[in-house]
Amino acid sequence: MLSLAVMILSIAIIKGFKTEIQDKVRGYLGDVQITRYDLNNSFEHSPFILDLETQKQLKNNPDIEYFYPFATKPAILSANNEIEGINFKGVDKSYNWDYIKKHIISGTIIDFSDSTAAMQELLISNYTAKRLKLKTGDDFIMYFVQNQLRPRKFKIVGVYDIGVEDIDKGFVLGNLNIVKRLNNWQSGEIGGVEIRIKDFNKLKPVADGIFEKLPQNLRSYSIRENLPNIFTWLGLLDVNTRVLLILMLIVGVINMITALLIMILERTNMIGMLKSFGASNWSIMKIFLYNAAYLIGIGLLLGNILGLGLGFFQQSTHIFKLNQTSYFLAYVPIEFHFIDVLALNIVTVVVCLTVLIVPSLLISKVSPLKAIRFK
């Protein structure tokens, strides 16, 4: 029961963890980014114009959910006698705000319907707001890093909390036209394109397909290439899960073997009597295996109730908390899949019954005469 419950929760937690972290970085940075192909390794990408043919290919790609232009520019925030280095990420009205809306803790999003106001509105992370002692509605000065620092006044219209430190302390969201004006870009020039695909499991083939159809002056890279440390860490969690599953399965098997051996020792007289009446070793073994299967069935039932019950309780209440700074999440995530639970139950039954055949062979070693006299 305990082994199965732990295995169910282990898989549910790891899958929930991976899904939540992936959604966080995907929601803010997209799945695939297109930038100009050059030797520029800074956060500020070189400008380019996305030609109509490439736009058409992206729109007609069935694996792409949506895409939008963006540009970044390094800057320094100054407020309340504090300063903070940041990357200004500029977006336009085509930006999909669904993800940011889920993580806004105060205020609202940029209103692109008012072009004048949108040039002064900004969204910052809760991490940056706390560092600079700012809140929604406050004004502050941002200095853009160029040959000569360019100061500009902004108003905070919203504060969001993604929970991934690399993102929260690295970016603020503003208007794309600000970057264009500061850099004196031509009409239509952008810093890059962020793409969201429909199925993240197809990330590599979709990203490779996008790259192959790009003009020679452009390149693309996936979110896995952009944030390799996070995805390497998530991959290591799978190793931990496999180790834990094996250990829990071993614990369950050892307990069942112990239980079967005890039953055989306690029923030695019965084994001798049945053999004296002409019962075969296999027919007697089946009695004990059926009894073991009954015990396994009870364990599976209680294990499923315990594992699924704790999982659904955590999904509803988020009672088990985490340090968001270390784990990127404020609570333990749970993600159940019927196939995973069914596979665990089937594997547990098959492995336990298969292994129990070995100790049940002791029945063939029991002598009827000695067993009847055994007390």
Protein backbone atom coordinates (compact mmCIF):
# COMPACT_ATOMS: atom_id res chain seq x y z
CA MET A 1 0.00 0.00 0.00
CA LEU A 2 2.69 2.49 1.02
CA SER A 3 4.98 1.56 -1.88
CA LEU A 4 2.24 2.05 -4.47
CA ALA A 5 1.09 5.31 -2.87
CA VAL A 6 4.65 6.67 -2.93
CA MET A 7 5.13 5.61 -6.57
CA ILE A 8 1.86 7.26 -7.65
CA LEU A 9 2.72 10.50 -5.86
CA SER A 10 6.31 10.48 -7.15
CA ILE A 11 5.25 10.35 -10.79
CA ALA A 12 2.42 12.85 -10.24
CA ILE A 13 4.73 15.34 -8.50
CA ILE A 14 7.54 15.07 -11.06
CA LYS A 15 5.15 15.45 -14.00
CA GLY A 16 3.42 18.34 -12.27
CA PHE A 17 6.79 19.94 -11.59
CA LYS A 18 7.95 19.65 -15.20
CA THR A 19 4.67 20.93 -16.60
CA GLU A 20 4.54 23.95 -14.27
CA ILE A 21 8.16 24.97 -14.87
CA GLN A 22 7.83 24.49 -18.63
CA ASP A 23 4.65 26.57 -18.69
CA LYS A 24 6.38 29.35 -16.76
CA VAL A 25 9.31 29.73 -19.13
CA ARG A 26 7.21 29.05 -22.25
CA GLY A 27 4.61 31.61 -21.27
CA TYR A 28 7.14 34.41 -20.96
CA LEU A 29 9.81 33.54 -23.53
CA GLY A 30 7.88 31.43 -26.05
CA ASP A 31 8.92 28.04 -27.43
CA VAL A 32 11.04 29.21 -30.36
CA GLN A 33 12.75 32.56 -30.95
CA ILE A 34 13.80 33.95 -34.32
CA THR A 35 16.59 36.55 -34.39
CA ARG A 36 19.02 37.96 -36.91
CA TYR A 37 21.95 35.70 -37.76
CA ASP A 38 25.11 37.53 -36.66
CA LEU A 39 27.89 37.39 -34.06
CA ASN A 40 25.95 39.52 -31.58
CA ASN A 41 25.76 37.63 -28.26
CA SER A 42 24.33 40.47 -26.17
CA PHE A 43 20.77 40.71 -24.82
CA GLU A 44 20.04 43.42 -27.40
CA HIS A 45 19.38 41.71 -30.73
CA SER A 46 20.26 43.24 -34.08
CA PRO A 47 17.22 44.54 -36.02
CA PHE A 48 15.70 42.88 -39.08
CA ILE A 49 12.51 43.00 -41.11
CA LEU A 50 10.43 39.82 -41.19
CA ASP A 51 9.67 39.32 -44.87
CA LEU A 52 6.15 38.50 -46.07
CA GLU A 53 7.12 35.00 -47.21
CA THR A 54 8.40 34.05 -43.75
CA GLN A 55 5.31 35.57 -42.11
CA LYS A 56 3.11 33.50 -44.42
CA GLN A 57 4.99 30.30 -43.58
CA LEU A 58 4.61 30.93 -39.85
CA LYS A 59 0.89 31.68 -40.17
CA ASN A 60 0.27 28.56 -42.25
CA ASN A 61 2.32 26.23 -40.04
CA PRO A 62 -0.24 23.91 -38.34
CA ASP A 63 2.11 23.29 -35.38
CA ILE A 64 2.31 27.00 -34.45
CA GLU A 65 -0.31 28.41 -32.08
CA TYR A 66 0.72 32.07 -32.40
CA PHE A 67 3.75 34.36 -32.80
CA TYR A 68 4.57 38.00 -32.14
CA PRO A 69 7.48 40.45 -32.59
CA PHE A 70 9.64 41.68 -29.72
CA ALA A 71 12.85 43.54 -28.97
CA THR A 72 15.04 43.80 -25.89
CA LYS A 73 17.31 46.55 -24.62
CA PRO A 74 19.48 46.67 -21.48
CA ALA A 75 18.56 49.36 -18.96
CA ILE A 76 19.06 50.52 -15.40
CA LEU A 77 16.11 51.14 -13.06
CA SER A 78 16.48 53.89 -10.49
CA ALA A 79 13.96 54.43 -7.69
CA ASN A 80 13.97 55.13 -3.93
CA ASN A 81 17.76 55.45 -3.88
CA GLU A 82 18.07 51.93 -5.30
CA ILE A 83 19.26 50.82 -8.74
CA GLU A 84 18.75 47.55 -10.61
CA GLY A 85 20.06 46.28 -13.94
CA ILE A 86 17.30 44.95 -16.18
CA ASN A 87 16.39 43.98 -19.74
CA PHE A 88 13.54 45.95 -21.23
CA LYS A 89 11.40 43.62 -23.34
CA GLY A 90 9.25 45.49 -25.83
CA VAL A 91 6.10 43.93 -27.32
CA ASP A 92 3.23 45.26 -29.44
CA LYS A 93 -0.55 44.83 -29.49
CA SER A 94 -0.27 41.35 -31.03
CA TYR A 95 1.34 40.04 -27.84
CA ASN A 96 -0.65 37.28 -26.14
CA TRP A 97 -1.33 38.41 -22.56
CA ASP A 98 -3.13 35.25 -21.38
CA TYR A 99 -0.13 33.93 -19.48
CA ILE A 100 0.82 37.26 -17.85
CA LYS A 101 -2.78 37.83 -16.75
CA LYS A 102 -2.65 34.60 -14.73
CA HIS A 103 0.40 35.83 -12.80
CA ILE A 104 -0.47 39.51 -12.25
CA ILE A 105 -0.72 40.15 -8.52
CA SER A 106 -1.70 43.82 -8.83
CA GLY A 107 -2.69 46.23 -11.59
CA THR A 108 -3.39 45.34 -15.21
CA ILE A 109 -1.70 44.95 -18.61
CA ILE A 110 -0.50 47.65 -21.01
CA ASP A 111 -3.35 49.37 -22.87
CA PHE A 112 -2.23 49.53 -26.50
CA SER A 113 -5.51 51.17 -27.55
CA ASP A 114 -4.08 54.45 -26.22
CA SER A 115 -0.80 54.79 -28.11
CA THR A 116 0.41 57.76 -26.06
CA ALA A 117 -0.24 56.16 -22.67
CA ALA A 118 1.21 52.82 -23.83
CA MET A 119 4.59 54.50 -24.41
CA GLN A 120 4.83 55.23 -20.68
CA GLU A 121 3.26 52.08 -19.20
CA LEU A 122 5.34 49.22 -17.85
CA LEU A 123 4.94 45.87 -16.13
CA ILE A 124 7.57 44.73 -13.65
CA SER A 125 8.07 41.56 -11.64
CA ASN A 126 7.31 41.28 -7.95
CA TYR A 127 11.01 40.54 -7.40
CA THR A 128 12.03 43.87 -8.97
CA ALA A 129 9.21 45.76 -7.25
CA LYS A 130 10.40 44.58 -3.83
CA ARG A 131 14.03 45.34 -4.61
CA LEU A 132 13.20 48.92 -5.61
CA LYS A 133 10.32 49.38 -3.13
CA LEU A 134 7.83 50.06 -5.91
CA LYS A 135 4.13 49.28 -6.40
CA THR A 136 1.44 49.65 -9.04
CA GLY A 137 0.88 53.30 -9.97
CA ASP A 138 4.40 54.46 -9.04
CA ASP A 139 6.58 56.45 -11.45
CA PHE A 140 10.32 55.96 -11.83
CA ILE A 141 13.20 56.70 -14.18
CA MET A 142 14.77 54.06 -16.42
CA TYR A 143 18.14 54.69 -18.05
CA PHE A 144 18.66 52.87 -21.34
CA VAL A 145 22.22 51.75 -22.00
CA GLN A 146 23.58 53.35 -25.16
CA ASN A 147 26.65 55.41 -26.08
CA GLN A 148 25.01 57.97 -23.85
CA LEU A 149 22.51 56.92 -21.17
CA ARG A 150 18.96 57.79 -22.25
CA PRO A 151 16.64 58.47 -19.27
CA ARG A 152 12.92 57.86 -19.65
CA LYS A 153 10.06 58.08 -17.19
CA PHE A 154 7.64 55.16 -16.81
CA LYS A 155 4.54 54.36 -14.82
CA ILE A 156 3.97 50.88 -13.37
CA VAL A 157 0.56 49.59 -14.48
CA GLY A 158 1.02 46.03 -13.25
CA VAL A 159 3.17 43.76 -11.10
CA TYR A 160 3.49 40.07 -11.98
CA ASP A 161 5.12 37.10 -10.25
CA ILE A 162 6.36 34.34 -12.58
CA GLY A 163 8.36 32.56 -9.88
CA VAL A 164 11.43 31.83 -12.06
CA GLU A 165 14.26 34.01 -10.79
CA ASP A 166 16.07 34.18 -14.15
CA ILE A 167 12.95 35.75 -15.65
CA ASP A 168 11.67 37.79 -12.70
CA LYS A 169 14.94 39.59 -12.05
CA GLY A 170 15.94 39.80 -15.72
CA PHE A 171 13.05 41.46 -17.55
CA VAL A 172 10.37 44.15 -17.53
CA LEU A 173 7.59 44.39 -20.14
CA GLY A 174 6.95 47.53 -22.14
CA ASN A 175 6.12 48.92 -25.57
CA LEU A 176 8.11 47.73 -28.59
CA ASN A 177 7.99 51.23 -30.13
CA ILE A 178 10.18 52.53 -27.30
CA VAL A 179 13.06 50.31 -28.39
CA LYS A 180 12.48 51.30 -32.02
CA ARG A 181 12.67 55.00 -31.22
CA LEU A 182 15.73 54.69 -28.99
CA ASN A 183 17.59 52.69 -31.65
CA ASN A 184 16.30 54.78 -34.59
CA TRP A 185 15.06 51.65 -36.34
CA GLN A 186 13.22 51.82 -39.63
CA SER A 187 9.52 51.07 -39.89
CA GLY A 188 8.94 47.32 -39.67
CA GLU A 189 12.27 46.49 -38.03
CA ILE A 190 12.10 44.27 -34.94
CA GLY A 191 14.55 42.53 -32.63
CA GLY A 192 13.06 39.05 -32.89
CA VAL A 193 9.98 36.86 -33.10
CA GLU A 194 8.70 34.60 -30.31
CA ILE A 195 6.69 31.54 -31.34
CA ARG A 196 4.34 29.40 -29.27
CA ILE A 197 3.75 25.87 -30.59
CA LYS A 198 0.71 23.71 -29.93
CA ASP A 199 2.44 20.55 -28.68
CA PHE A 200 5.56 21.04 -26.58
CA ASN A 201 6.48 17.36 -27.01
CA LYS A 202 7.15 18.15 -30.68
CA LEU A 203 9.46 21.07 -29.86
CA LYS A 204 12.61 19.76 -31.55
CA PRO A 205 11.09 18.70 -34.90
CA VAL A 206 8.97 21.86 -35.08
CA ALA A 207 11.93 24.09 -34.19
CA ASP A 208 14.12 22.32 -36.77
CA GLY A 209 11.39 22.75 -39.40
CA ILE A 210 11.12 26.48 -38.67
CA PHE A 211 14.90 26.91 -38.91
CA GLU A 212 15.12 25.12 -42.25
CA LYS A 213 12.61 27.49 -43.88
CA LEU A 214 14.15 30.73 -42.59
CA PRO A 215 16.11 33.11 -44.86
CA GLN A 216 19.88 32.96 -44.58
CA ASN A 217 20.05 36.15 -42.53
CA LEU A 218 17.86 34.70 -39.73
CA ARG A 219 18.30 31.95 -37.16
CA SER A 220 16.04 30.28 -34.63
CA TYR A 221 16.59 28.45 -31.34
CA SER A 222 14.24 26.67 -28.97
CA ILE A 223 13.53 27.44 -25.33
CA ARG A 224 15.60 24.36 -24.39
CA GLU A 225 18.63 25.97 -26.05
CA ASN A 226 17.81 29.35 -24.51
CA LEU A 227 17.54 28.02 -20.93
CA PRO A 228 19.58 24.79 -20.92
CA ASN A 229 20.19 24.84 -17.15
CA ILE A 230 16.50 24.67 -16.28
CA PHE A 231 15.70 21.87 -18.72
CA THR A 232 18.80 19.89 -17.74
CA TRP A 233 17.63 20.10 -14.14
CA LEU A 234 14.15 18.92 -15.14
CA GLY A 235 15.71 16.00 -17.01
CA LEU A 236 17.61 14.95 -13.89
CA LEU A 237 14.32 14.71 -12.02
CA ASP A 238 13.37 11.78 -14.26
CA VAL A 239 16.43 9.88 -13.04
CA ASN A 240 15.43 10.49 -9.42
CA THR A 241 11.93 9.25 -10.18
CA ARG A 242 13.16 6.01 -11.75
CA VAL A 243 15.43 5.33 -8.77
CA LEU A 244 12.57 5.96 -6.33
CA LEU A 245 10.19 3.72 -8.30
CA ILE A 246 12.70 0.86 -8.29
CA LEU A 247 13.34 1.23 -4.55
CA MET A 248 9.62 1.30 -3.73
CA LEU A 249 8.97 -1.73 -5.92
CA ILE A 250 11.78 -3.61 -4.17
CA VAL A 251 10.29 -2.71 -0.78
CA GLY A 252 6.88 -3.97 -1.87
CA VAL A 253 8.31 -7.22 -3.25
CA ILE A 254 10.34 -7.89 -0.08
CA ASN A 255 7.27 -7.37 2.07
CA MET A 256 5.20 -9.76 -0.05
CA ILE A 257 7.95 -12.40 -0.04
CA THR A 258 8.15 -12.14 3.74
CA ALA A 259 4.38 -12.45 4.06
CA LEU A 260 4.30 -15.53 1.80
CA LEU A 261 7.13 -17.24 3.67
CA ILE A 262 5.33 -16.67 6.97
CA MET A 263 2.13 -18.14 5.52
CA ILE A 264 4.01 -21.23 4.29
CA LEU A 265 5.65 -21.77 7.69
CA GLU A 266 2.34 -21.30 9.51
CA ARG A 267 0.60 -23.78 7.19
CA THR A 268 3.27 -26.48 7.12
CA ASN A 269 0.88 -29.03 8.71
CA MET A 270 -1.77 -28.19 6.10
CA ILE A 271 0.75 -28.66 3.28
CA GLY A 272 1.69 -32.10 4.65
CA MET A 273 -1.96 -33.15 4.97
CA LEU A 274 -2.78 -32.03 1.41
CA LYS A 275 0.24 -33.89 0.03
CA SER A 276 -0.74 -37.03 1.93
CA PHE A 277 -4.16 -36.81 0.25
CA GLY A 278 -2.46 -36.74 -3.14
CA ALA A 279 -2.41 -33.00 -3.87
CA SER A 280 0.34 -31.93 -6.30
CA ASN A 281 2.93 -29.29 -5.48
CA TRP A 282 1.48 -26.93 -8.12
CA SER A 283 -2.06 -27.19 -6.80
CA ILE A 284 -0.83 -26.33 -3.29
CA MET A 285 1.34 -23.50 -4.66
CA LYS A 286 -1.74 -22.02 -6.35
CA ILE A 287 -3.52 -21.83 -3.00
CA PHE A 288 -0.75 -19.69 -1.56
CA LEU A 289 -0.37 -17.61 -4.74
CA TYR A 290 -4.12 -16.92 -4.77
CA ASN A 291 -3.91 -15.83 -1.14
CA ALA A 292 -0.90 -13.62 -1.98
CA ALA A 293 -2.81 -12.11 -4.92
CA TYR A 294 -5.67 -11.33 -2.54
CA LEU A 295 -3.27 -9.50 -0.22
CA ILE A 296 -1.72 -7.67 -3.20
CA GLY A 297 -5.19 -6.63 -4.34
CA ILE A 298 -6.01 -5.15 -0.93
CA GLY A 299 -2.66 -3.35 -0.93
CA LEU A 300 -3.31 -1.94 -4.41
CA LEU A 301 -6.78 -0.75 -3.43
CA LEU A 302 -5.57 0.99 -0.29
CA GLY A 303 -2.46 2.31 -2.07
CA ASN A 304 -4.56 3.91 -4.82
CA ILE A 305 -6.91 5.43 -2.27
CA LEU A 306 -3.98 6.85 -0.28
CA GLY A 307 -1.90 8.07 -3.23
CA LEU A 308 -4.75 9.52 -5.28
CA GLY A 309 -6.45 10.91 -2.18
CA LEU A 310 -3.36 12.82 -1.05
CA GLY A 311 -2.77 14.00 -4.61
CA PHE A 312 -6.27 15.36 -5.15
CA PHE A 313 -6.18 16.93 -1.67
CA GLN A 314 -2.95 18.76 -2.58
CA GLN A 315 -4.44 19.89 -5.90
CA SER A 316 -7.41 21.41 -4.10
CA THR A 317 -5.69 22.99 -1.09
CA HIS A 318 -1.95 23.44 -1.99
CA ILE A 319 -1.32 22.67 1.67
CA PHE A 320 2.24 21.42 1.07
CA LYS A 321 4.35 24.51 0.31
CA LEU A 322 7.74 24.99 -1.31
CA ASN A 323 10.43 27.66 -1.21
CA GLN A 324 9.71 29.44 -4.49
CA THR A 325 13.23 30.89 -4.64
CA SER A 326 14.74 27.38 -4.76
CA TYR A 327 12.04 25.41 -6.59
CA PHE A 328 10.38 28.12 -8.78
CA LEU A 329 7.02 27.07 -7.30
CA ALA A 330 5.20 28.09 -4.13
CA TYR A 331 3.57 24.67 -3.63
CA VAL A 332 4.00 21.01 -4.56
CA PRO A 333 2.41 20.51 -8.01
CA ILE A 334 0.40 17.38 -8.84
CA GLU A 335 -0.44 16.07 -12.30
CA PHE A 336 -2.25 12.73 -12.58
CA HIS A 337 -2.48 10.65 -15.76
CA PHE A 338 -4.73 7.59 -15.89
CA ILE A 339 -2.19 5.66 -17.97
CA ASP A 340 0.54 6.20 -15.35
CA VAL A 341 -1.65 4.98 -12.48
CA LEU A 342 -2.86 1.97 -14.47
CA ALA A 343 0.69 1.05 -15.54
CA LEU A 344 1.95 1.22 -11.94
CA ASN A 345 -0.83 -1.09 -10.76
CA ILE A 346 -0.25 -3.62 -13.54
CA VAL A 347 3.54 -3.64 -13.13
CA THR A 348 3.23 -4.03 -9.35
CA VAL A 349 0.89 -7.03 -9.69
CA VAL A 350 2.97 -8.74 -12.38
CA VAL A 351 6.31 -8.22 -10.63
CA CYS A 352 5.05 -9.27 -7.20
CA LEU A 353 3.30 -12.44 -8.43
CA THR A 354 6.26 -13.40 -10.63
CA VAL A 355 8.74 -12.97 -7.77
CA LEU A 356 6.47 -14.86 -5.34
CA ILE A 357 6.74 -18.00 -7.46
CA VAL A 358 10.31 -18.49 -6.16
CA PRO A 359 9.50 -18.71 -2.40
CA SER A 360 6.40 -20.76 -3.17
CA LEU A 361 8.74 -23.46 -4.57
CA LEU A 362 9.61 -24.25 -0.94
CA ILE A 363 6.33 -26.17 -0.88
CA SER A 364 7.91 -28.88 -3.06
CA LYS A 365 10.59 -29.37 -0.43
CA VAL A 366 8.08 -30.10 2.33
CA SER A 367 7.94 -33.79 3.31
CA PRO A 368 4.37 -34.96 4.14
CA LEU A 369 5.51 -37.16 7.05
CA LYS A 370 7.69 -34.47 8.67
CA ALA A 371 5.11 -31.76 8.01
CA ILE A 372 2.30 -33.66 9.73
CA ARG A 373 4.51 -34.20 12.75
CA PHE A 374 5.71 -30.53 12.64
CA LYS A 375 4.39 -28.26 15.42
